[in-house]
Amino acid sequence: MSRVITDAGKIPNHVVIIPDGNRRWARSHSLKPWQGHEAGAKNLEKLVCYALKKGIHFLSFWGSSLDNLKKRTLSERRALLDIYSRYF
């Protein structure tokens, strides 16, 4: 269930981030898929800093499901796990 904040100044306690489009972004920039994931991780780091400054107390991130990982090449899975270990 998602909720839209309509009252100015109200900050939610918990925000969930589900990244999508990192591979498409990489492809559109002639990059490898994991380079898109790396760029997404860097952007997520910025979002975390912003959330902390705004007083958001809980931030959840859905990286990927097991089913989603099974669809990736071995090199992309390794790159994703490396990114997860370095950033998260």
PDB file of N, CA and C in Angstrom:
ATOM      1  N   MET A   1       0.847  -1.166   0.000  1.00  0.00           N
ATOM      2  CA  MET A   1       0.000   0.000   0.000  1.00  0.00           C
ATOM      3  C   MET A   1       0.897   1.235   0.000  1.00  0.00           C
ATOM      4  N   SER A   2       0.676   2.120  -0.915  1.00  0.00           N
ATOM      5  CA  SER A   2       1.462   3.351  -0.938  1.00  0.00           C
ATOM      6  C   SER A   2       0.597   4.501  -0.460  1.00  0.00           C
ATOM      7  N   ARG A   3       1.247   5.513   0.065  1.00  0.00           N
ATOM      8  CA  ARG A   3       0.535   6.654   0.593  1.00  0.00           C
ATOM      9  C   ARG A   3       1.203   7.908   0.068  1.00  0.00           C
ATOM     10  N   VAL A   4       0.397   8.815  -0.386  1.00  0.00           N
ATOM     11  CA  VAL A   4       0.913  10.083  -0.892  1.00  0.00           C
ATOM     12  C   VAL A   4       0.765  11.123   0.203  1.00  0.00           C
ATOM     13  N   ILE A   5       1.813  11.871   0.434  1.00  0.00           N
ATOM     14  CA  ILE A   5       1.777  12.925   1.446  1.00  0.00           C
ATOM     15  C   ILE A   5       1.190  14.173   0.805  1.00  0.00           C
ATOM     16  N   THR A   6       0.106  14.658   1.384  1.00  0.00           N
ATOM     17  CA  THR A   6      -0.536  15.848   0.824  1.00  0.00           C
ATOM     18  C   THR A   6      -0.364  17.067   1.715  1.00  0.00           C
ATOM     19  N   ASP A   7      -0.117  16.866   2.988  1.00  0.00           N
ATOM     20  CA  ASP A   7       0.059  17.987   3.904  1.00  0.00           C
ATOM     21  C   ASP A   7       1.510  18.455   3.877  1.00  0.00           C
ATOM     22  N   ALA A   8       1.709  19.708   3.561  1.00  0.00           N
ATOM     23  CA  ALA A   8       3.065  20.266   3.515  1.00  0.00           C
ATOM     24  C   ALA A   8       3.737  20.094   4.873  1.00  0.00           C
ATOM     25  N   GLY A   9       4.980  19.671   4.849  1.00  0.00           N
ATOM     26  CA  GLY A   9       5.743  19.545   6.079  1.00  0.00           C
ATOM     27  C   GLY A   9       5.663  18.191   6.742  1.00  0.00           C
ATOM     28  N   LYS A  10       4.735  17.340   6.341  1.00  0.00           N
ATOM     29  CA  LYS A  10       4.643  16.003   6.937  1.00  0.00           C
ATOM     30  C   LYS A  10       5.660  15.084   6.287  1.00  0.00           C
ATOM     31  N   ILE A  11       6.443  14.415   7.110  1.00  0.00           N
ATOM     32  CA  ILE A  11       7.472  13.504   6.641  1.00  0.00           C
ATOM     33  C   ILE A  11       7.101  12.092   7.107  1.00  0.00           C
ATOM     34  N   PRO A  12       7.127  11.108   6.211  1.00  0.00           N
ATOM     35  CA  PRO A  12       6.815   9.735   6.643  1.00  0.00           C
ATOM     36  C   PRO A  12       7.926   9.181   7.515  1.00  0.00           C
ATOM     37  N   ASN A  13       7.588   8.222   8.360  1.00  0.00           N
ATOM     38  CA  ASN A  13       8.587   7.542   9.184  1.00  0.00           C
ATOM     39  C   ASN A  13       9.339   6.487   8.397  1.00  0.00           C
ATOM     40  N   HIS A  14       8.681   5.907   7.396  1.00  0.00           N
ATOM     41  CA  HIS A  14       9.254   4.778   6.667  1.00  0.00           C
ATOM     42  C   HIS A  14       9.045   4.975   5.167  1.00  0.00           C
ATOM     43  N   VAL A  15      10.128   4.835   4.407  1.00  0.00           N
ATOM     44  CA  VAL A  15      10.073   4.917   2.946  1.00  0.00           C
ATOM     45  C   VAL A  15      10.710   3.653   2.389  1.00  0.00           C
ATOM     46  N   VAL A  16      10.072   3.073   1.376  1.00  0.00           N
ATOM     47  CA  VAL A  16      10.588   1.882   0.710  1.00  0.00           C
ATOM     48  C   VAL A  16      11.021   2.272  -0.696  1.00  0.00           C
ATOM     49  N   ILE A  17      12.208   1.833  -1.086  1.00  0.00           N
ATOM     50  CA  ILE A  17      12.736   2.121  -2.416  1.00  0.00           C
ATOM     51  C   ILE A  17      12.883   0.805  -3.165  1.00  0.00           C
ATOM     52  N   ILE A  18      12.270   0.739  -4.348  1.00  0.00           N
ATOM     53  CA  ILE A  18      12.401  -0.424  -5.222  1.00  0.00           C
ATOM     54  C   ILE A  18      13.000   0.086  -6.529  1.00  0.00           C
ATOM     55  N   PRO A  19      14.301  -0.123  -6.707  1.00  0.00           N
ATOM     56  CA  PRO A  19      14.947   0.403  -7.917  1.00  0.00           C
ATOM     57  C   PRO A  19      14.504  -0.357  -9.160  1.00  0.00           C
ATOM     58  N   ASP A  20      14.398   0.365 -10.249  1.00  0.00           N
ATOM     59  CA  ASP A  20      14.028  -0.244 -11.521  1.00  0.00           C
ATOM     60  C   ASP A  20      14.648   0.589 -12.635  1.00  0.00           C
ATOM     61  N   GLY A  21      15.158  -0.077 -13.645  1.00  0.00           N
ATOM     62  CA  GLY A  21      15.655   0.635 -14.807  1.00  0.00           C
ATOM     63  C   GLY A  21      17.157   0.832 -14.867  1.00  0.00           C
ATOM     64  N   ASN A  22      17.902   0.269 -13.929  1.00  0.00           N
ATOM     65  CA  ASN A  22      19.357   0.443 -13.952  1.00  0.00           C
ATOM     66  C   ASN A  22      19.983  -0.149 -15.212  1.00  0.00           C
ATOM     67  N   ARG A  23      19.512  -1.327 -15.605  1.00  0.00           N
ATOM     68  CA  ARG A  23      20.062  -1.959 -16.817  1.00  0.00           C
ATOM     69  C   ARG A  23      19.650  -1.181 -18.064  1.00  0.00           C
ATOM     70  N   ARG A  24      18.411  -0.715 -18.105  1.00  0.00           N
ATOM     71  CA  ARG A  24      17.970   0.090 -19.260  1.00  0.00           C
ATOM     72  C   ARG A  24      18.784   1.378 -19.359  1.00  0.00           C
ATOM     73  N   TRP A  25      19.042   2.005 -18.216  1.00  0.00           N
ATOM     74  CA  TRP A  25      19.855   3.223 -18.213  1.00  0.00           C
ATOM     75  C   TRP A  25      21.243   2.924 -18.755  1.00  0.00           C
ATOM     76  N   ALA A  26      21.844   1.820 -18.288  1.00  0.00           N
ATOM     77  CA  ALA A  26      23.183   1.446 -18.751  1.00  0.00           C
ATOM     78  C   ALA A  26      23.179   1.209 -20.264  1.00  0.00           C
ATOM     79  N   ARG A  27      22.194   0.482 -20.731  1.00  0.00           N
ATOM     80  CA  ARG A  27      22.101   0.193 -22.164  1.00  0.00           C
ATOM     81  C   ARG A  27      21.988   1.482 -22.974  1.00  0.00           C
ATOM     82  N   SER A  28      21.192   2.430 -22.492  1.00  0.00           N
ATOM     83  CA  SER A  28      21.010   3.691 -23.218  1.00  0.00           C
ATOM     84  C   SER A  28      22.279   4.545 -23.232  1.00  0.00           C
ATOM     85  N   HIS A  29      23.221   4.226 -22.334  1.00  0.00           N
ATOM     86  CA  HIS A  29      24.502   4.935 -22.275  1.00  0.00           C
ATOM     87  C   HIS A  29      25.662   4.057 -22.767  1.00  0.00           C
ATOM     88  N   SER A  30      25.310   2.958 -23.457  1.00  0.00           N
ATOM     89  CA  SER A  30      26.307   2.014 -24.012  1.00  0.00           C
ATOM     90  C   SER A  30      27.248   1.460 -22.938  1.00  0.00           C
ATOM     91  N   LEU A  31      26.686   1.141 -21.782  1.00  0.00           N
ATOM     92  CA  LEU A  31      27.454   0.598 -20.669  1.00  0.00           C
ATOM     93  C   LEU A  31      27.026  -0.836 -20.381  1.00  0.00           C
ATOM     94  N   LYS A  32      27.815  -1.532 -19.601  1.00  0.00           N
ATOM     95  CA  LYS A  32      27.478  -2.877 -19.142  1.00  0.00           C
ATOM     96  C   LYS A  32      26.365  -2.780 -18.105  1.00  0.00           C
ATOM     97  N   PRO A  33      25.522  -3.822 -17.978  1.00  0.00           N
ATOM     98  CA  PRO A  33      24.417  -3.768 -17.011  1.00  0.00           C
ATOM     99  C   PRO A  33      24.866  -3.418 -15.594  1.00  0.00           C
ATOM    100  N   TRP A  34      25.980  -4.005 -15.150  1.00  0.00           N
ATOM    101  CA  TRP A  34      26.416  -3.748 -13.767  1.00  0.00           C
ATOM    102  C   TRP A  34      26.883  -2.314 -13.569  1.00  0.00           C
ATOM    103  N   GLN A  35      27.241  -1.637 -14.640  1.00  0.00           N
ATOM    104  CA  GLN A  35      27.583  -0.217 -14.501  1.00  0.00           C
ATOM    105  C   GLN A  35      26.322   0.598 -14.197  1.00  0.00           C
ATOM    106  N   GLY A  36      25.200   0.157 -14.716  1.00  0.00           N
ATOM    107  CA  GLY A  36      23.927   0.784 -14.358  1.00  0.00           C
ATOM    108  C   GLY A  36      23.563   0.526 -12.914  1.00  0.00           C
ATOM    109  N   HIS A  37      23.825  -0.696 -12.447  1.00  0.00           N
ATOM    110  CA  HIS A  37      23.562  -1.028 -11.038  1.00  0.00           C
ATOM    111  C   HIS A  37      24.461  -0.201 -10.119  1.00  0.00           C
ATOM    112  N   GLU A  38      25.694  -0.007 -10.524  1.00  0.00           N
ATOM    113  CA  GLU A  38      26.636   0.817  -9.739  1.00  0.00           C
ATOM    114  C   GLU A  38      26.126   2.251  -9.659  1.00  0.00           C
ATOM    115  N   ALA A  39      25.678   2.786 -10.778  1.00  0.00           N
ATOM    116  CA  ALA A  39      25.138   4.155 -10.785  1.00  0.00           C
ATOM    117  C   ALA A  39      23.896   4.243  -9.899  1.00  0.00           C
ATOM    118  N   GLY A  40      23.062   3.213  -9.946  1.00  0.00           N
ATOM    119  CA  GLY A  40      21.877   3.184  -9.089  1.00  0.00           C
ATOM    120  C   GLY A  40      22.240   3.161  -7.614  1.00  0.00           C
ATOM    121  N   ALA A  41      23.275   2.396  -7.264  1.00  0.00           N
ATOM    122  CA  ALA A  41      23.728   2.333  -5.866  1.00  0.00           C
ATOM    123  C   ALA A  41      24.235   3.692  -5.402  1.00  0.00           C
ATOM    124  N   LYS A  42      24.952   4.397  -6.270  1.00  0.00           N
ATOM    125  CA  LYS A  42      25.438   5.735  -5.917  1.00  0.00           C
ATOM    126  C   LYS A  42      24.268   6.685  -5.695  1.00  0.00           C
ATOM    127  N   ASN A  43      23.239   6.584  -6.535  1.00  0.00           N
ATOM    128  CA  ASN A  43      22.052   7.422  -6.360  1.00  0.00           C
ATOM    129  C   ASN A  43      21.315   7.067  -5.076  1.00  0.00           C
ATOM    130  N   LEU A  44      21.273   5.775  -4.760  1.00  0.00           N
ATOM    131  CA  LEU A  44      20.615   5.361  -3.527  1.00  0.00           C
ATOM    132  C   LEU A  44      21.335   5.940  -2.314  1.00  0.00           C
ATOM    133  N   GLU A  45      22.653   5.986  -2.394  1.00  0.00           N
ATOM    134  CA  GLU A  45      23.436   6.581  -1.307  1.00  0.00           C
ATOM    135  C   GLU A  45      23.021   8.041  -1.096  1.00  0.00           C
ATOM    136  N   LYS A  46      22.797   8.768  -2.173  1.00  0.00           N
ATOM    137  CA  LYS A  46      22.335  10.159  -2.081  1.00  0.00           C
ATOM    138  C   LYS A  46      20.947  10.219  -1.443  1.00  0.00           C
ATOM    139  N   LEU A  47      20.075   9.285  -1.829  1.00  0.00           N
ATOM    140  CA  LEU A  47      18.724   9.254  -1.256  1.00  0.00           C
ATOM    141  C   LEU A  47      18.753   8.971   0.242  1.00  0.00           C
ATOM    142  N   VAL A  48      19.648   8.093   0.667  1.00  0.00           N
ATOM    143  CA  VAL A  48      19.766   7.778   2.097  1.00  0.00           C
ATOM    144  C   VAL A  48      20.195   9.022   2.868  1.00  0.00           C
ATOM    145  N   CYS A  49      21.172   9.736   2.352  1.00  0.00           N
ATOM    146  CA  CYS A  49      21.631  10.967   3.014  1.00  0.00           C
ATOM    147  C   CYS A  49      20.499  11.986   3.086  1.00  0.00           C
ATOM    148  N   TYR A  50      19.752  12.119   2.015  1.00  0.00           N
ATOM    149  CA  TYR A  50      18.625  13.057   1.981  1.00  0.00           C
ATOM    150  C   TYR A  50      17.564  12.653   3.010  1.00  0.00           C
ATOM    151  N   ALA A  51      17.254  11.355   3.065  1.00  0.00           N
ATOM    152  CA  ALA A  51      16.255  10.873   4.018  1.00  0.00           C
ATOM    153  C   ALA A  51      16.673  11.162   5.456  1.00  0.00           C
ATOM    154  N   LEU A  52      17.942  10.953   5.753  1.00  0.00           N
ATOM    155  CA  LEU A  52      18.431  11.241   7.105  1.00  0.00           C
ATOM    156  C   LEU A  52      18.285  12.720   7.447  1.00  0.00           C
ATOM    157  N   LYS A  53      18.627  13.577   6.502  1.00  0.00           N
ATOM    158  CA  LYS A  53      18.504  15.024   6.732  1.00  0.00           C
ATOM    159  C   LYS A  53      17.058  15.443   6.952  1.00  0.00           C
ATOM    160  N   LYS A  54      16.136  14.751   6.296  1.00  0.00           N
ATOM    161  CA  LYS A  54      14.716  15.099   6.391  1.00  0.00           C
ATOM    162  C   LYS A  54      14.027  14.461   7.590  1.00  0.00           C
ATOM    163  N   GLY A  55      14.743  13.596   8.302  1.00  0.00           N
ATOM    164  CA  GLY A  55      14.161  12.990   9.501  1.00  0.00           C
ATOM    165  C   GLY A  55      13.358  11.730   9.234  1.00  0.00           C
ATOM    166  N   ILE A  56      13.605  11.073   8.111  1.00  0.00           N
ATOM    167  CA  ILE A  56      12.949   9.797   7.849  1.00  0.00           C
ATOM    168  C   ILE A  56      13.710   8.743   8.650  1.00  0.00           C
ATOM    169  N   HIS A  57      12.996   8.055   9.540  1.00  0.00           N
ATOM    170  CA  HIS A  57      13.644   7.160  10.489  1.00  0.00           C
ATOM    171  C   HIS A  57      13.892   5.761   9.949  1.00  0.00           C
ATOM    172  N   PHE A  58      13.078   5.313   9.003  1.00  0.00           N
ATOM    173  CA  PHE A  58      13.208   3.956   8.467  1.00  0.00           C
ATOM    174  C   PHE A  58      13.217   4.013   6.950  1.00  0.00           C
ATOM    175  N   LEU A  59      14.207   3.351   6.368  1.00  0.00           N
ATOM    176  CA  LEU A  59      14.357   3.321   4.917  1.00  0.00           C
ATOM    177  C   LEU A  59      14.635   1.874   4.520  1.00  0.00           C
ATOM    178  N   SER A  60      13.765   1.313   3.700  1.00  0.00           N
ATOM    179  CA  SER A  60      13.941  -0.062   3.231  1.00  0.00           C
ATOM    180  C   SER A  60      14.286  -0.040   1.755  1.00  0.00           C
ATOM    181  N   PHE A  61      15.089  -1.004   1.354  1.00  0.00           N
ATOM    182  CA  PHE A  61      15.535  -1.099  -0.029  1.00  0.00           C
ATOM    183  C   PHE A  61      15.366  -2.536  -0.492  1.00  0.00           C
ATOM    184  N   TRP A  62      14.674  -2.711  -1.606  1.00  0.00           N
ATOM    185  CA  TRP A  62      14.494  -4.041  -2.175  1.00  0.00           C
ATOM    186  C   TRP A  62      15.486  -4.177  -3.309  1.00  0.00           C
ATOM    187  N   GLY A  63      16.567  -4.929  -3.102  1.00  0.00           N
ATOM    188  CA  GLY A  63      17.617  -5.057  -4.106  1.00  0.00           C
ATOM    189  C   GLY A  63      17.214  -5.937  -5.268  1.00  0.00           C
ATOM    190  N   SER A  64      16.843  -7.162  -4.977  1.00  0.00           N
ATOM    191  CA  SER A  64      16.392  -8.079  -6.018  1.00  0.00           C
ATOM    192  C   SER A  64      15.892  -9.359  -5.366  1.00  0.00           C
ATOM    193  N   SER A  65      15.044 -10.040  -6.081  1.00  0.00           N
ATOM    194  CA  SER A  65      14.533 -11.320  -5.598  1.00  0.00           C
ATOM    195  C   SER A  65      15.423 -12.444  -6.127  1.00  0.00           C
ATOM    196  N   LEU A  66      15.314 -13.600  -5.530  1.00  0.00           N
ATOM    197  CA  LEU A  66      16.068 -14.761  -5.989  1.00  0.00           C
ATOM    198  C   LEU A  66      15.679 -15.080  -7.436  1.00  0.00           C
ATOM    199  N   ASP A  67      14.391 -14.998  -7.733  1.00  0.00           N
ATOM    200  CA  ASP A  67      13.910 -15.264  -9.094  1.00  0.00           C
ATOM    201  C   ASP A  67      14.528 -14.282 -10.083  1.00  0.00           C
ATOM    202  N   ASN A  68      14.614 -13.022  -9.683  1.00  0.00           N
ATOM    203  CA  ASN A  68      15.202 -12.005 -10.550  1.00  0.00           C
ATOM    204  C   ASN A  68      16.689 -12.275 -10.765  1.00  0.00           C
ATOM    205  N   LEU A  69      17.389 -12.677  -9.736  1.00  0.00           N
ATOM    206  CA  LEU A  69      18.817 -12.974  -9.861  1.00  0.00           C
ATOM    207  C   LEU A  69      19.075 -14.169 -10.778  1.00  0.00           C
ATOM    208  N   LYS A  70      18.182 -15.150 -10.751  1.00  0.00           N
ATOM    209  CA  LYS A  70      18.352 -16.339 -11.593  1.00  0.00           C
ATOM    210  C   LYS A  70      18.318 -15.995 -13.078  1.00  0.00           C
ATOM    211  N   LYS A  71      17.677 -14.894 -13.429  1.00  0.00           N
ATOM    212  CA  LYS A  71      17.558 -14.484 -14.829  1.00  0.00           C
ATOM    213  C   LYS A  71      18.817 -13.778 -15.335  1.00  0.00           C
ATOM    214  N   ARG A  72      19.700 -13.417 -14.454  1.00  0.00           N
ATOM    215  CA  ARG A  72      20.898 -12.656 -14.804  1.00  0.00           C
ATOM    216  C   ARG A  72      22.045 -13.598 -15.174  1.00  0.00           C
ATOM    217  N   THR A  73      22.991 -13.079 -15.943  1.00  0.00           N
ATOM    218  CA  THR A  73      24.195 -13.853 -16.254  1.00  0.00           C
ATOM    219  C   THR A  73      25.036 -13.972 -14.985  1.00  0.00           C
ATOM    220  N   LEU A  74      25.922 -14.933 -14.975  1.00  0.00           N
ATOM    221  CA  LEU A  74      26.790 -15.124 -13.814  1.00  0.00           C
ATOM    222  C   LEU A  74      27.626 -13.869 -13.548  1.00  0.00           C
ATOM    223  N   SER A  75      28.145 -13.254 -14.595  1.00  0.00           N
ATOM    224  CA  SER A  75      28.973 -12.052 -14.399  1.00  0.00           C
ATOM    225  C   SER A  75      28.150 -10.903 -13.814  1.00  0.00           C
ATOM    226  N   GLU A  76      26.889 -10.783 -14.228  1.00  0.00           N
ATOM    227  CA  GLU A  76      26.052  -9.721 -13.664  1.00  0.00           C
ATOM    228  C   GLU A  76      25.697 -10.022 -12.215  1.00  0.00           C
ATOM    229  N   ARG A  77      25.419 -11.279 -11.898  1.00  0.00           N
ATOM    230  CA  ARG A  77      25.122 -11.636 -10.499  1.00  0.00           C
ATOM    231  C   ARG A  77      26.314 -11.351  -9.606  1.00  0.00           C
ATOM    232  N   ARG A  78      27.501 -11.712 -10.071  1.00  0.00           N
ATOM    233  CA  ARG A  78      28.703 -11.433  -9.275  1.00  0.00           C
ATOM    234  C   ARG A  78      28.879  -9.938  -9.065  1.00  0.00           C
ATOM    235  N   ALA A  79      28.667  -9.169 -10.121  1.00  0.00           N
ATOM    236  CA  ALA A  79      28.799  -7.712 -10.009  1.00  0.00           C
ATOM    237  C   ALA A  79      27.767  -7.149  -9.038  1.00  0.00           C
ATOM    238  N   LEU A  80      26.529  -7.640  -9.101  1.00  0.00           N
ATOM    239  CA  LEU A  80      25.484  -7.175  -8.178  1.00  0.00           C
ATOM    240  C   LEU A  80      25.848  -7.480  -6.735  1.00  0.00           C
ATOM    241  N   LEU A  81      26.299  -8.694  -6.474  1.00  0.00           N
ATOM    242  CA  LEU A  81      26.669  -9.066  -5.105  1.00  0.00           C
ATOM    243  C   LEU A  81      27.841  -8.243  -4.611  1.00  0.00           C
ATOM    244  N   ASP A  82      28.777  -7.922  -5.502  1.00  0.00           N
ATOM    245  CA  ASP A  82      29.885  -7.056  -5.136  1.00  0.00           C
ATOM    246  C   ASP A  82      29.383  -5.658  -4.779  1.00  0.00           C
ATOM    247  N   ILE A  83      28.472  -5.132  -5.587  1.00  0.00           N
ATOM    248  CA  ILE A  83      27.898  -3.808  -5.310  1.00  0.00           C
ATOM    249  C   ILE A  83      27.160  -3.826  -3.978  1.00  0.00           C
ATOM    250  N   TYR A  84      26.366  -4.879  -3.745  1.00  0.00           N
ATOM    251  CA  TYR A  84      25.634  -4.981  -2.474  1.00  0.00           C
ATOM    252  C   TYR A  84      26.596  -4.991  -1.283  1.00  0.00           C
ATOM    253  N   SER A  85      27.695  -5.734  -1.422  1.00  0.00           N
ATOM    254  CA  SER A  85      28.624  -5.830  -0.287  1.00  0.00           C
ATOM    255  C   SER A  85      29.353  -4.494  -0.052  1.00  0.00           C
ATOM    256  N   ARG A  86      29.633  -3.745  -1.093  1.00  0.00           N
ATOM    257  CA  ARG A  86      30.349  -2.477  -0.926  1.00  0.00           C
ATOM    258  C   ARG A  86      29.431  -1.355  -0.455  1.00  0.00           C
ATOM    259  N   TYR A  87      28.199  -1.328  -0.925  1.00  0.00           N
ATOM    260  CA  TYR A  87      27.308  -0.207  -0.591  1.00  0.00           C
ATOM    261  C   TYR A  87      26.391  -0.487   0.586  1.00  0.00           C
ATOM    262  N   PHE A  88      26.023  -1.746   0.768  1.00  0.00           N
ATOM    263  CA  PHE A  88      24.980  -2.035   1.756  1.00  0.00           C
ATOM    264  C   PHE A  88      25.466  -3.004   2.800  1.00  0.00           C
TER     265      PHE A  88
END
